[in-house]
Amino acid sequence: MPDKSILIVEDEAAIREMVRFALQRAEFRTAEAGDVRDARLRIAEARPDLILLDWMLPGVSGVEFARELKGSAVTRDIPIIMVTARAEEEDKVRGLNLGCDDYMTKPFSLPELLARVKAVLRRSQAGGEDEKLAVAGLEMDAAGQRVSASGKAVHLGPTEYKLLHFFMSHPERVYTREQVLDRVWGQGVYVEERTVDVHIRRLRKALEPFGLDGLIQTVRGTGYRFSERP
């Protein structure tokens, strides 16, 4: 994925340097920030394709900054990978619920970091070149990466967009969480199955104002199905 830019928001200089070196070796462009104030300036100077965001930052925390980014129409579509020493499941779920697209626990290996960065970037660019999908008033223009319902824009994060694209491309079929992970996140990338449930909830929440959240159905004991039929 040449010429993609990654913003590293991390207050520990040694970690920033290590991550920057690994990303640049993989031919990514990088920018760095030691706190949220610097990160805001970097984003204003040049919008990154992805943000690696440390949870614990001086002043404004990474969690608060993620909430700020996902709450702004200007930055909500920038993918975020939260990087933190907090390994508890409830912390992971909290990060994902904020809108983060993935979550890495320190210490981590650089090959795993690169794999996750590439997987999130692939998800953020999902969709065929000229494909248009339409179901029950819900429309997806994959070329323009736009989703609308009854003519009104539906705002989705990159992972929710990829999920919806997958479901709209495969209606009326039941998929297990493992199958959804393989299709949406990609094989060989370790993501917990509960992550699927978190992103499904976020996708439903985005569709709810249009009365379309029921299109994504839970099949008890199995997984999920996308269907117009009850």
Protein backbone atom coordinates (compact mmCIF):
# COMPACT_ATOMS: atom_id res chain seq x y z
CA MET A 1 0.00 0.00 0.00
CA PRO A 2 2.41 2.69 -1.18
CA ASP A 3 2.05 6.36 -0.35
CA LYS A 4 -0.32 5.96 2.61
CA SER A 5 0.27 8.28 5.55
CA ILE A 6 0.15 7.20 9.19
CA LEU A 7 0.00 9.61 12.14
CA ILE A 8 1.67 8.14 15.24
CA VAL A 9 0.29 9.72 18.43
CA GLU A 10 2.48 8.44 21.26
CA ASP A 11 4.14 10.29 24.15
CA GLU A 12 7.08 7.86 24.52
CA ALA A 13 9.75 8.93 22.04
CA ALA A 14 11.41 5.49 21.90
CA ILE A 15 8.14 3.80 20.89
CA ARG A 16 7.39 6.52 18.31
CA GLU A 17 10.82 6.01 16.76
CA MET A 18 10.47 2.22 16.67
CA VAL A 19 7.03 2.39 15.06
CA ARG A 20 8.07 5.11 12.61
CA PHE A 21 11.08 3.05 11.50
CA ALA A 22 8.93 -0.05 10.91
CA LEU A 23 6.27 1.89 8.98
CA GLN A 24 8.80 3.70 6.80
CA ARG A 25 10.53 0.40 5.98
CA ALA A 26 7.11 -0.79 4.80
CA GLU A 27 6.96 2.33 2.57
CA PHE A 28 4.38 4.27 4.58
CA ARG A 29 4.71 8.01 5.05
CA THR A 30 4.62 9.00 8.71
CA ALA A 31 3.98 11.98 10.96
CA GLU A 32 4.42 12.05 14.72
CA ALA A 33 2.78 13.72 17.71
CA GLY A 34 3.59 13.43 21.41
CA ASP A 35 0.23 14.67 22.62
CA VAL A 36 -3.23 15.64 21.38
CA ARG A 37 -2.31 19.28 20.77
CA ASP A 38 0.47 18.22 18.38
CA ALA A 39 -1.83 15.64 16.79
CA ARG A 40 -4.44 18.29 15.99
CA LEU A 41 -1.76 20.38 14.28
CA ARG A 42 -0.50 17.41 12.25
CA ILE A 43 -4.03 16.58 11.09
CA ALA A 44 -4.65 20.21 10.13
CA GLU A 45 -1.42 20.23 8.10
CA ALA A 46 -2.11 16.97 6.27
CA ARG A 47 -4.99 14.56 6.79
CA PRO A 48 -3.56 11.09 7.54
CA ASP A 49 -4.90 7.86 6.06
CA LEU A 50 -4.76 6.20 9.50
CA ILE A 51 -3.99 7.19 13.10
CA LEU A 52 -2.09 5.02 15.60
CA LEU A 53 -3.35 6.44 18.90
CA ASP A 54 -1.96 5.77 22.36
CA TRP A 55 -4.59 5.44 25.09
CA MET A 56 -2.58 7.16 27.84
CA LEU A 57 -1.42 10.62 26.76
CA PRO A 58 -0.51 13.68 28.82
CA GLY A 59 -3.33 16.21 29.15
CA VAL A 60 -6.12 15.00 26.87
CA SER A 61 -6.24 11.18 26.78
CA GLY A 62 -6.30 9.10 23.63
CA VAL A 63 -9.82 7.98 24.52
CA GLU A 64 -11.05 11.57 24.67
CA PHE A 65 -9.26 12.40 21.41
CA ALA A 66 -10.80 9.37 19.66
CA ARG A 67 -14.23 10.58 20.76
CA GLU A 68 -13.42 14.05 19.42
CA LEU A 69 -12.24 12.70 16.06
CA LYS A 70 -15.23 10.41 15.56
CA GLY A 71 -17.61 13.22 16.56
CA SER A 72 -16.38 15.55 13.80
CA ALA A 73 -17.64 15.32 10.22
CA VAL A 74 -14.15 16.32 9.05
CA THR A 75 -12.26 13.49 10.77
CA ARG A 76 -14.81 10.76 11.56
CA ASP A 77 -13.78 8.66 8.55
CA ILE A 78 -10.09 8.50 9.48
CA PRO A 79 -9.39 4.94 10.72
CA ILE A 80 -7.97 4.69 14.25
CA ILE A 81 -5.98 1.87 15.82
CA MET A 82 -5.83 2.31 19.60
CA VAL A 83 -2.49 1.25 21.11
CA THR A 84 -2.38 0.74 24.86
CA ALA A 85 -1.06 -1.24 27.79
CA ARG A 86 -4.64 -1.78 29.01
CA ALA A 87 -5.45 -5.40 28.20
CA GLU A 88 -8.80 -5.84 29.97
CA GLU A 89 -11.69 -6.83 27.71
CA GLU A 90 -13.90 -3.98 28.93
CA ASP A 91 -11.21 -1.51 27.88
CA LYS A 92 -11.03 -3.05 24.41
CA VAL A 93 -14.80 -2.86 24.04
CA ARG A 94 -14.77 0.75 25.25
CA GLY A 95 -12.20 1.66 22.62
CA LEU A 96 -14.16 -0.06 19.87
CA ASN A 97 -17.40 1.56 20.97
CA LEU A 98 -15.76 4.97 20.63
CA GLY A 99 -15.31 4.24 16.95
CA CYS A 100 -11.78 2.85 16.88
CA ASP A 101 -11.23 0.31 14.12
CA ASP A 102 -8.78 -1.93 15.93
CA TYR A 103 -7.04 -2.27 19.28
CA MET A 104 -3.48 -3.36 20.03
CA THR A 105 -2.07 -4.15 23.47
CA LYS A 106 1.51 -3.27 24.46
CA PRO A 107 3.93 -4.89 24.12
CA PHE A 108 3.25 -5.82 20.48
CA SER A 109 5.34 -7.17 17.64
CA LEU A 110 6.09 -4.95 14.66
CA PRO A 111 4.93 -7.59 12.12
CA GLU A 112 1.56 -7.74 13.89
CA LEU A 113 1.34 -3.94 13.89
CA LEU A 114 2.02 -3.79 10.15
CA ALA A 115 -0.53 -6.53 9.48
CA ARG A 116 -3.20 -4.67 11.42
CA VAL A 117 -2.40 -1.34 9.75
CA LYS A 118 -2.68 -2.92 6.30
CA ALA A 119 -5.92 -4.74 7.22
CA VAL A 120 -7.59 -1.55 8.51
CA LEU A 121 -6.50 0.37 5.41
CA ARG A 122 -7.94 -2.37 3.19
CA ARG A 123 -11.25 -2.14 5.05
CA SER A 124 -11.31 1.63 4.69
CA GLN A 125 -10.96 1.26 0.91
CA ALA A 126 -13.56 -1.47 0.51
CA GLY A 127 -15.83 -1.64 -2.45
CA GLY A 128 -15.68 -2.35 -6.18
CA GLU A 129 -14.84 0.37 -8.71
CA ASP A 130 -18.28 0.99 -10.17
CA GLU A 131 -20.48 -1.16 -7.97
CA LYS A 132 -23.84 0.13 -6.79
CA LEU A 133 -26.01 -1.83 -4.37
CA ALA A 134 -29.55 -1.11 -3.27
CA VAL A 135 -31.77 -2.88 -0.72
CA ALA A 136 -34.98 -1.60 0.88
CA GLY A 137 -34.20 2.06 0.23
CA LEU A 138 -30.59 1.66 1.37
CA GLU A 139 -28.11 2.50 -1.40
CA MET A 140 -24.35 2.05 -1.59
CA ASP A 141 -22.18 3.72 -4.23
CA ALA A 142 -18.91 1.83 -3.92
CA ALA A 143 -17.10 4.04 -6.43
CA GLY A 144 -17.76 7.12 -4.34
CA GLN A 145 -17.84 5.19 -1.05
CA ARG A 146 -21.17 6.78 -0.15
CA VAL A 147 -24.16 5.25 1.59
CA SER A 148 -27.62 6.79 1.58
CA ALA A 149 -31.09 5.92 2.83
CA SER A 150 -34.08 7.49 1.11
CA GLY A 151 -31.74 10.06 -0.38
CA LYS A 152 -30.12 11.05 2.94
CA ALA A 153 -26.49 10.35 3.74
CA VAL A 154 -25.66 7.54 6.19
CA HIS A 155 -22.37 8.23 7.98
CA LEU A 156 -20.29 5.13 8.63
CA GLY A 157 -16.77 4.44 9.84
CA PRO A 158 -14.54 2.39 7.52
CA THR A 159 -15.17 -0.93 9.28
CA GLU A 160 -18.94 -0.40 9.38
CA TYR A 161 -18.81 0.49 5.69
CA LYS A 162 -16.96 -2.74 4.87
CA LEU A 163 -19.41 -4.74 7.00
CA LEU A 164 -22.39 -3.21 5.22
CA HIS A 165 -20.80 -3.78 1.83
CA PHE A 166 -20.23 -7.43 2.69
CA PHE A 167 -23.80 -7.93 3.93
CA MET A 168 -25.42 -6.09 1.00
CA SER A 169 -23.31 -8.18 -1.39
CA HIS A 170 -24.41 -11.42 0.32
CA PRO A 171 -28.08 -11.02 1.32
CA GLU A 172 -30.26 -13.77 2.81
CA ARG A 173 -27.31 -15.89 3.92
CA VAL A 174 -26.36 -16.63 7.52
CA TYR A 175 -22.73 -16.09 8.49
CA THR A 176 -21.00 -17.03 11.71
CA ARG A 177 -18.88 -14.44 13.51
CA GLU A 178 -15.78 -16.33 12.40
CA GLN A 179 -16.87 -16.15 8.76
CA VAL A 180 -17.58 -12.42 9.06
CA LEU A 181 -14.14 -11.90 10.59
CA ASP A 182 -12.47 -13.77 7.72
CA ARG A 183 -14.43 -11.90 5.04
CA VAL A 184 -14.28 -8.39 6.53
CA TRP A 185 -11.08 -8.32 8.61
CA GLY A 186 -9.19 -10.84 6.49
CA GLN A 187 -7.61 -14.19 7.25
CA GLY A 188 -4.42 -14.22 9.25
CA VAL A 189 -5.31 -11.12 11.28
CA TYR A 190 -6.12 -11.85 14.92
CA VAL A 191 -9.32 -10.10 16.02
CA GLU A 192 -11.60 -11.37 18.76
CA GLU A 193 -15.04 -12.57 17.66
CA ARG A 194 -16.68 -10.14 20.09
CA THR A 195 -15.30 -7.35 17.91
CA VAL A 196 -17.88 -8.35 15.28
CA ASP A 197 -20.71 -7.74 17.76
CA VAL A 198 -19.36 -4.29 18.64
CA HIS A 199 -19.22 -3.19 15.00
CA ILE A 200 -22.61 -4.73 14.24
CA ARG A 201 -24.08 -2.60 17.06
CA ARG A 202 -22.45 0.50 15.63
CA LEU A 203 -23.74 -0.28 12.13
CA ARG A 204 -27.25 -0.83 13.44
CA LYS A 205 -27.07 2.44 15.37
CA ALA A 206 -26.16 4.30 12.16
CA LEU A 207 -29.10 2.69 10.30
CA GLU A 208 -31.61 3.10 13.14
CA PRO A 209 -32.67 6.72 12.34
CA PHE A 210 -33.78 5.48 8.93
CA GLY A 211 -35.66 2.48 10.30
CA LEU A 212 -33.25 0.09 8.59
CA ASP A 213 -31.41 -1.41 11.55
CA GLY A 214 -33.66 -4.49 11.30
CA LEU A 215 -32.00 -5.43 8.01
CA ILE A 216 -29.14 -6.90 10.04
CA GLN A 217 -30.65 -9.85 11.84
CA THR A 218 -29.18 -11.89 14.66
CA VAL A 219 -29.56 -15.63 14.11
CA ARG A 220 -29.42 -17.07 17.59
CA GLY A 221 -26.70 -19.66 18.07
CA THR A 222 -25.18 -18.97 14.66
CA GLY A 223 -24.38 -15.38 13.69
CA TYR A 224 -25.89 -12.74 11.44
CA ARG A 225 -27.97 -12.40 8.28
CA PHE A 226 -28.81 -9.40 6.06
CA SER A 227 -32.41 -9.63 4.92
CA GLU A 228 -35.51 -7.55 4.08
CA ARG A 229 -37.68 -10.39 5.34
CA PRO A 230 -38.46 -10.72 9.06
